[in-house]
Amino acid sequence: MRILVAGASGTVGQAAVKELSRRHEVIRAGRSSGDVTVDLMNEDSVRAMFAKVGKLDAVVACAGHVHFGPVAAMTPEQFRKGLNDKLMGQVNLVLLGMDSVNDGGSFTLTSGVLDRDPVRQGANAAAVNGAIGAFAKGAAIEMPRGLRINVVSPGLLQDSAQKYDGFFPGHEPVSSERVGLAYAKSVEGALSGQVIIVG
């Protein structure tokens, strides 16, 4: 398969690339690095990326940022960061990329643990993760040409645990290998409309 991985240089993206590249041609996309660069929040940039890479069998989205901060002090602008970046960036890949994915191909989006197991300062992440899962479930029932769509929802990765030290009390980190397998399950399997939890 030819698989585009957006956000390939991030911790989650690297886990997906490592597993998928064992068996497939992986095209790495990122904001400032990779085989092709793209700003997922910019529709013209997304269209240009798809025009450049040509036909694909799968698109994997591991990109997007959210705002971490106390909800009592959060501004609407800060909250919109996650909506515009992580949510709409991934939705843009689906809406603008369908014609670039071959019949029977797939989209795999990425959410995270916080919509099912919230932590302090994570309200924006929780909302965005929940919206990504709901979008995939709703979109799955009307995807054309046999296209599938799923979401991988990883817990805190071992490789990120130090970066987020203190934010996830009591959470047991998950390995990059297990996260990579979840992307393989979505891309190579037959599921659609599912949130694949790695916890």
C-alpha atoms as a PDB file:
ATOM      1  CA  MET A   1       0.000   0.000   0.000  1.00  0.00           C
ATOM      2  CA  ARG A   2       0.916   3.663  -0.411  1.00  0.00           C
ATOM      3  CA  ILE A   3       0.201   5.321   2.929  1.00  0.00           C
ATOM      4  CA  LEU A   4       0.438   9.001   3.798  1.00  0.00           C
ATOM      5  CA  VAL A   5       1.213   9.692   7.456  1.00  0.00           C
ATOM      6  CA  ALA A   6       0.583  13.296   8.472  1.00  0.00           C
ATOM      7  CA  GLY A   7       2.444  14.269  11.611  1.00  0.00           C
ATOM      8  CA  ALA A   8       5.042  11.593  10.902  1.00  0.00           C
ATOM      9  CA  SER A   9       7.803  13.211  12.969  1.00  0.00           C
ATOM     10  CA  GLY A  10       5.822  13.343  16.230  1.00  0.00           C
ATOM     11  CA  THR A  11       5.936  10.665  18.906  1.00  0.00           C
ATOM     12  CA  VAL A  12       2.684   9.017  17.792  1.00  0.00           C
ATOM     13  CA  GLY A  13       3.517   9.519  14.127  1.00  0.00           C
ATOM     14  CA  GLN A  14       6.869   7.807  14.540  1.00  0.00           C
ATOM     15  CA  ALA A  15       5.145   4.813  16.128  1.00  0.00           C
ATOM     16  CA  ALA A  16       2.747   4.557  13.180  1.00  0.00           C
ATOM     17  CA  VAL A  17       5.509   4.976  10.605  1.00  0.00           C
ATOM     18  CA  LYS A  18       7.752   2.375  12.230  1.00  0.00           C
ATOM     19  CA  GLU A  19       5.050  -0.289  12.126  1.00  0.00           C
ATOM     20  CA  LEU A  20       3.509   0.530   8.745  1.00  0.00           C
ATOM     21  CA  SER A  21       6.805   1.013   6.884  1.00  0.00           C
ATOM     22  CA  ARG A  22       7.717  -2.639   7.533  1.00  0.00           C
ATOM     23  CA  ARG A  23       5.208  -3.689   4.888  1.00  0.00           C
ATOM     24  CA  HIS A  24       4.165  -0.582   2.980  1.00  0.00           C
ATOM     25  CA  GLU A  25       5.411   2.506   1.178  1.00  0.00           C
ATOM     26  CA  VAL A  26       5.015   5.336   3.670  1.00  0.00           C
ATOM     27  CA  ILE A  27       4.994   8.989   2.624  1.00  0.00           C
ATOM     28  CA  ARG A  28       5.847  11.206   5.581  1.00  0.00           C
ATOM     29  CA  ALA A  29       4.109  14.576   5.827  1.00  0.00           C
ATOM     30  CA  GLY A  30       4.655  17.324   8.362  1.00  0.00           C
ATOM     31  CA  ARG A  31       4.444  21.030   8.953  1.00  0.00           C
ATOM     32  CA  SER A  32       8.181  21.562   8.544  1.00  0.00           C
ATOM     33  CA  SER A  33       9.675  18.158   7.709  1.00  0.00           C
ATOM     34  CA  GLY A  34       9.018  14.957   5.809  1.00  0.00           C
ATOM     35  CA  ASP A  35       8.708  13.852   2.205  1.00  0.00           C
ATOM     36  CA  VAL A  36       6.079  16.558   1.748  1.00  0.00           C
ATOM     37  CA  THR A  37       5.186  19.549   3.912  1.00  0.00           C
ATOM     38  CA  VAL A  38       1.635  20.578   4.757  1.00  0.00           C
ATOM     39  CA  ASP A  39      -0.277  22.926   7.020  1.00  0.00           C
ATOM     40  CA  LEU A  40      -3.373  20.913   7.874  1.00  0.00           C
ATOM     41  CA  MET A  41      -5.249  24.033   8.956  1.00  0.00           C
ATOM     42  CA  ASN A  42      -4.790  25.546   5.491  1.00  0.00           C
ATOM     43  CA  GLU A  43      -7.135  24.007   2.926  1.00  0.00           C
ATOM     44  CA  ASP A  44      -5.007  25.105  -0.030  1.00  0.00           C
ATOM     45  CA  SER A  45      -1.947  23.501   1.558  1.00  0.00           C
ATOM     46  CA  VAL A  46      -3.840  20.223   2.078  1.00  0.00           C
ATOM     47  CA  ARG A  47      -5.094  20.234  -1.517  1.00  0.00           C
ATOM     48  CA  ALA A  48      -1.571  20.923  -2.814  1.00  0.00           C
ATOM     49  CA  MET A  49      -0.166  18.042  -0.771  1.00  0.00           C
ATOM     50  CA  PHE A  50      -2.688  15.562  -2.148  1.00  0.00           C
ATOM     51  CA  ALA A  51      -2.046  16.798  -5.693  1.00  0.00           C
ATOM     52  CA  LYS A  52       1.684  16.295  -5.182  1.00  0.00           C
ATOM     53  CA  VAL A  53       1.605  12.786  -3.683  1.00  0.00           C
ATOM     54  CA  GLY A  54      -0.954  11.294  -6.075  1.00  0.00           C
ATOM     55  CA  LYS A  55      -3.132   8.262  -5.424  1.00  0.00           C
ATOM     56  CA  LEU A  56      -2.991   6.617  -2.004  1.00  0.00           C
ATOM     57  CA  ASP A  57      -4.368   3.525  -0.339  1.00  0.00           C
ATOM     58  CA  ALA A  58      -4.534   5.014   3.139  1.00  0.00           C
ATOM     59  CA  VAL A  59      -4.181   8.299   5.005  1.00  0.00           C
ATOM     60  CA  VAL A  60      -3.106   8.337   8.648  1.00  0.00           C
ATOM     61  CA  ALA A  61      -3.402  11.533  10.704  1.00  0.00           C
ATOM     62  CA  CYS A  62      -1.167  11.792  13.771  1.00  0.00           C
ATOM     63  CA  ALA A  63      -1.046  15.577  13.859  1.00  0.00           C
ATOM     64  CA  GLY A  64      -2.619  18.301  15.918  1.00  0.00           C
ATOM     65  CA  HIS A  65      -2.212  20.396  19.027  1.00  0.00           C
ATOM     66  CA  VAL A  66      -4.612  21.294  21.817  1.00  0.00           C
ATOM     67  CA  HIS A  67      -4.547  23.799  24.664  1.00  0.00           C
ATOM     68  CA  PHE A  68      -3.679  22.599  28.147  1.00  0.00           C
ATOM     69  CA  GLY A  69      -4.730  24.925  30.930  1.00  0.00           C
ATOM     70  CA  PRO A  70      -7.232  25.436  33.754  1.00  0.00           C
ATOM     71  CA  VAL A  71     -10.782  25.609  32.432  1.00  0.00           C
ATOM     72  CA  ALA A  72     -11.596  28.491  34.826  1.00  0.00           C
ATOM     73  CA  ALA A  73      -8.952  30.639  33.145  1.00  0.00           C
ATOM     74  CA  MET A  74      -9.336  29.357  29.569  1.00  0.00           C
ATOM     75  CA  THR A  75     -10.349  31.834  26.887  1.00  0.00           C
ATOM     76  CA  PRO A  76     -12.501  30.986  23.875  1.00  0.00           C
ATOM     77  CA  GLU A  77      -9.481  31.727  21.701  1.00  0.00           C
ATOM     78  CA  GLN A  78      -7.389  29.180  23.578  1.00  0.00           C
ATOM     79  CA  PHE A  79     -10.178  26.625  23.326  1.00  0.00           C
ATOM     80  CA  ARG A  80     -10.438  27.173  19.582  1.00  0.00           C
ATOM     81  CA  LYS A  81      -6.773  26.186  19.239  1.00  0.00           C
ATOM     82  CA  GLY A  82      -7.656  22.525  19.613  1.00  0.00           C
ATOM     83  CA  LEU A  83     -10.744  22.846  17.434  1.00  0.00           C
ATOM     84  CA  ASN A  84      -8.877  24.570  14.614  1.00  0.00           C
ATOM     85  CA  ASP A  85      -5.668  22.555  14.875  1.00  0.00           C
ATOM     86  CA  LYS A  86      -6.194  18.955  15.989  1.00  0.00           C
ATOM     87  CA  LEU A  87      -9.878  18.580  15.058  1.00  0.00           C
ATOM     88  CA  MET A  88     -10.190  20.545  11.820  1.00  0.00           C
ATOM     89  CA  GLY A  89      -6.685  19.635  10.674  1.00  0.00           C
ATOM     90  CA  GLN A  90      -7.623  15.961  10.701  1.00  0.00           C
ATOM     91  CA  VAL A  91     -11.125  16.559   9.335  1.00  0.00           C
ATOM     92  CA  ASN A  92      -9.564  18.557   6.471  1.00  0.00           C
ATOM     93  CA  LEU A  93      -7.511  15.499   5.522  1.00  0.00           C
ATOM     94  CA  VAL A  94     -10.676  13.443   5.181  1.00  0.00           C
ATOM     95  CA  LEU A  95     -12.894  15.980   3.450  1.00  0.00           C
ATOM     96  CA  LEU A  96     -10.227  17.108   0.997  1.00  0.00           C
ATOM     97  CA  GLY A  97      -8.507  13.744   0.545  1.00  0.00           C
ATOM     98  CA  MET A  98     -11.313  11.351  -0.381  1.00  0.00           C
ATOM     99  CA  ASP A  99     -10.694  11.647  -4.124  1.00  0.00           C
ATOM    100  CA  SER A 100      -7.009  10.845  -3.574  1.00  0.00           C
ATOM    101  CA  VAL A 101      -7.683   7.530  -1.792  1.00  0.00           C
ATOM    102  CA  ASN A 102      -8.281   4.434  -3.898  1.00  0.00           C
ATOM    103  CA  ASP A 103     -11.503   2.431  -3.651  1.00  0.00           C
ATOM    104  CA  GLY A 104     -11.538   0.366  -0.478  1.00  0.00           C
ATOM    105  CA  GLY A 105      -8.868   2.535   1.137  1.00  0.00           C
ATOM    106  CA  SER A 106      -8.953   4.078   4.569  1.00  0.00           C
ATOM    107  CA  PHE A 107      -8.463   7.072   6.812  1.00  0.00           C
ATOM    108  CA  THR A 108      -7.146   6.696  10.345  1.00  0.00           C
ATOM    109  CA  LEU A 109      -7.397   9.674  12.693  1.00  0.00           C
ATOM    110  CA  THR A 110      -5.857  10.114  16.141  1.00  0.00           C
ATOM    111  CA  SER A 111      -7.557  11.208  19.351  1.00  0.00           C
ATOM    112  CA  GLY A 112      -6.327  10.291  22.831  1.00  0.00           C
ATOM    113  CA  VAL A 113      -7.189   9.116  26.294  1.00  0.00           C
ATOM    114  CA  LEU A 114      -8.565  12.330  27.803  1.00  0.00           C
ATOM    115  CA  ASP A 115     -12.132  12.142  26.493  1.00  0.00           C
ATOM    116  CA  ARG A 116     -12.612   8.897  28.452  1.00  0.00           C
ATOM    117  CA  ASP A 117     -10.204   9.465  31.348  1.00  0.00           C
ATOM    118  CA  PRO A 118      -9.888  13.232  31.942  1.00  0.00           C
ATOM    119  CA  VAL A 119      -7.186  15.052  33.858  1.00  0.00           C
ATOM    120  CA  ARG A 120      -6.934  18.572  35.232  1.00  0.00           C
ATOM    121  CA  GLN A 121      -6.212  21.196  32.553  1.00  0.00           C
ATOM    122  CA  GLY A 122      -7.270  18.771  29.821  1.00  0.00           C
ATOM    123  CA  ALA A 123     -10.796  19.998  28.992  1.00  0.00           C
ATOM    124  CA  ASN A 124      -9.828  21.193  25.519  1.00  0.00           C
ATOM    125  CA  ALA A 125      -8.109  17.909  24.711  1.00  0.00           C
ATOM    126  CA  ALA A 126     -11.094  15.952  26.047  1.00  0.00           C
ATOM    127  CA  ALA A 127     -13.541  17.873  23.853  1.00  0.00           C
ATOM    128  CA  VAL A 128     -11.401  17.581  20.734  1.00  0.00           C
ATOM    129  CA  ASN A 129     -10.721  13.867  21.222  1.00  0.00           C
ATOM    130  CA  GLY A 130     -14.420  13.181  21.699  1.00  0.00           C
ATOM    131  CA  ALA A 131     -15.271  15.158  18.562  1.00  0.00           C
ATOM    132  CA  ILE A 132     -12.740  13.236  16.468  1.00  0.00           C
ATOM    133  CA  GLY A 133     -14.265   9.927  17.538  1.00  0.00           C
ATOM    134  CA  ALA A 134     -17.789  11.150  16.893  1.00  0.00           C
ATOM    135  CA  PHE A 135     -16.838  12.475  13.455  1.00  0.00           C
ATOM    136  CA  ALA A 136     -15.365   9.122  12.432  1.00  0.00           C
ATOM    137  CA  LYS A 137     -18.402   7.188  13.664  1.00  0.00           C
ATOM    138  CA  GLY A 138     -20.757   9.520  11.829  1.00  0.00           C
ATOM    139  CA  ALA A 139     -18.696   9.652   8.636  1.00  0.00           C
ATOM    140  CA  ALA A 140     -18.204   5.879   8.460  1.00  0.00           C
ATOM    141  CA  ILE A 141     -21.824   5.182   7.542  1.00  0.00           C
ATOM    142  CA  GLU A 142     -21.655   7.324   4.411  1.00  0.00           C
ATOM    143  CA  MET A 143     -18.094   6.986   3.143  1.00  0.00           C
ATOM    144  CA  PRO A 144     -18.111   6.418  -0.639  1.00  0.00           C
ATOM    145  CA  ARG A 145     -16.443   3.665  -2.689  1.00  0.00           C
ATOM    146  CA  GLY A 146     -15.882   1.317   0.216  1.00  0.00           C
ATOM    147  CA  LEU A 147     -13.640   3.782   2.055  1.00  0.00           C
ATOM    148  CA  ARG A 148     -13.196   3.142   5.767  1.00  0.00           C
ATOM    149  CA  ILE A 149     -12.477   5.531   8.626  1.00  0.00           C
ATOM    150  CA  ASN A 150     -11.312   4.790  12.179  1.00  0.00           C
ATOM    151  CA  VAL A 151      -9.635   6.523  15.102  1.00  0.00           C
ATOM    152  CA  VAL A 152      -6.681   5.368  17.172  1.00  0.00           C
ATOM    153  CA  SER A 153      -6.985   6.612  20.758  1.00  0.00           C
ATOM    154  CA  PRO A 154      -3.722   6.010  22.601  1.00  0.00           C
ATOM    155  CA  GLY A 155      -3.040   6.511  26.250  1.00  0.00           C
ATOM    156  CA  LEU A 156       0.008   8.442  27.379  1.00  0.00           C
ATOM    157  CA  LEU A 157       2.977   7.074  25.430  1.00  0.00           C
ATOM    158  CA  GLN A 158       6.049   5.968  27.319  1.00  0.00           C
ATOM    159  CA  ASP A 159       8.117   8.177  25.011  1.00  0.00           C
ATOM    160  CA  SER A 160       6.038  11.230  26.040  1.00  0.00           C
ATOM    161  CA  ALA A 161       5.728  10.523  29.752  1.00  0.00           C
ATOM    162  CA  GLN A 162       8.600  12.803  30.767  1.00  0.00           C
ATOM    163  CA  LYS A 163       7.313  15.672  28.600  1.00  0.00           C
ATOM    164  CA  TYR A 164       3.904  15.531  30.290  1.00  0.00           C
ATOM    165  CA  ASP A 165       5.249  14.787  33.763  1.00  0.00           C
ATOM    166  CA  GLY A 166       2.635  15.669  36.369  1.00  0.00           C
ATOM    167  CA  PHE A 167      -0.274  16.058  33.932  1.00  0.00           C
ATOM    168  CA  PHE A 168      -1.337  12.388  33.969  1.00  0.00           C
ATOM    169  CA  PRO A 169      -1.304  11.195  37.602  1.00  0.00           C
ATOM    170  CA  GLY A 170      -1.855   7.465  37.882  1.00  0.00           C
ATOM    171  CA  HIS A 171      -1.922   6.832  34.144  1.00  0.00           C
ATOM    172  CA  GLU A 172       0.057   3.807  32.996  1.00  0.00           C
ATOM    173  CA  PRO A 173       2.043   4.721  29.867  1.00  0.00           C
ATOM    174  CA  VAL A 174       1.656   2.581  26.745  1.00  0.00           C
ATOM    175  CA  SER A 175       4.459   1.439  24.460  1.00  0.00           C
ATOM    176  CA  SER A 176       5.074   2.849  21.008  1.00  0.00           C
ATOM    177  CA  GLU A 177       4.950  -0.710  19.677  1.00  0.00           C
ATOM    178  CA  ARG A 178       1.365  -1.195  20.881  1.00  0.00           C
ATOM    179  CA  VAL A 179       0.341   2.141  19.413  1.00  0.00           C
ATOM    180  CA  GLY A 180       1.933   1.224  16.080  1.00  0.00           C
ATOM    181  CA  LEU A 181      -0.028  -2.029  16.011  1.00  0.00           C
ATOM    182  CA  ALA A 182      -3.282  -0.106  16.454  1.00  0.00           C
ATOM    183  CA  TYR A 183      -2.549   1.835  13.260  1.00  0.00           C
ATOM    184  CA  ALA A 184      -1.806  -1.434  11.462  1.00  0.00           C
ATOM    185  CA  LYS A 185      -5.138  -2.802  12.706  1.00  0.00           C
ATOM    186  CA  SER A 186      -6.977   0.194  11.299  1.00  0.00           C
ATOM    187  CA  VAL A 187      -5.129   0.389   7.977  1.00  0.00           C
ATOM    188  CA  GLU A 188      -4.731  -3.303   7.185  1.00  0.00           C
ATOM    189  CA  GLY A 189      -7.906  -4.629   8.792  1.00  0.00           C
ATOM    190  CA  ALA A 190     -11.583  -4.314   7.924  1.00  0.00           C
ATOM    191  CA  LEU A 191     -12.942  -2.127  10.723  1.00  0.00           C
ATOM    192  CA  SER A 192     -14.769   1.120  10.060  1.00  0.00           C
ATOM    193  CA  GLY A 193     -16.343   3.668  12.375  1.00  0.00           C
ATOM    194  CA  GLN A 194     -14.340   2.365  15.318  1.00  0.00           C
ATOM    195  CA  VAL A 195     -12.268   4.019  18.023  1.00  0.00           C
ATOM    196  CA  ILE A 196      -9.321   1.690  18.636  1.00  0.00           C
ATOM    197  CA  ILE A 197      -8.253   2.229  22.234  1.00  0.00           C
ATOM    198  CA  VAL A 198      -4.658   1.626  23.283  1.00  0.00           C
ATOM    199  CA  GLY A 199      -4.699   1.892  27.042  1.00  0.00           C
END
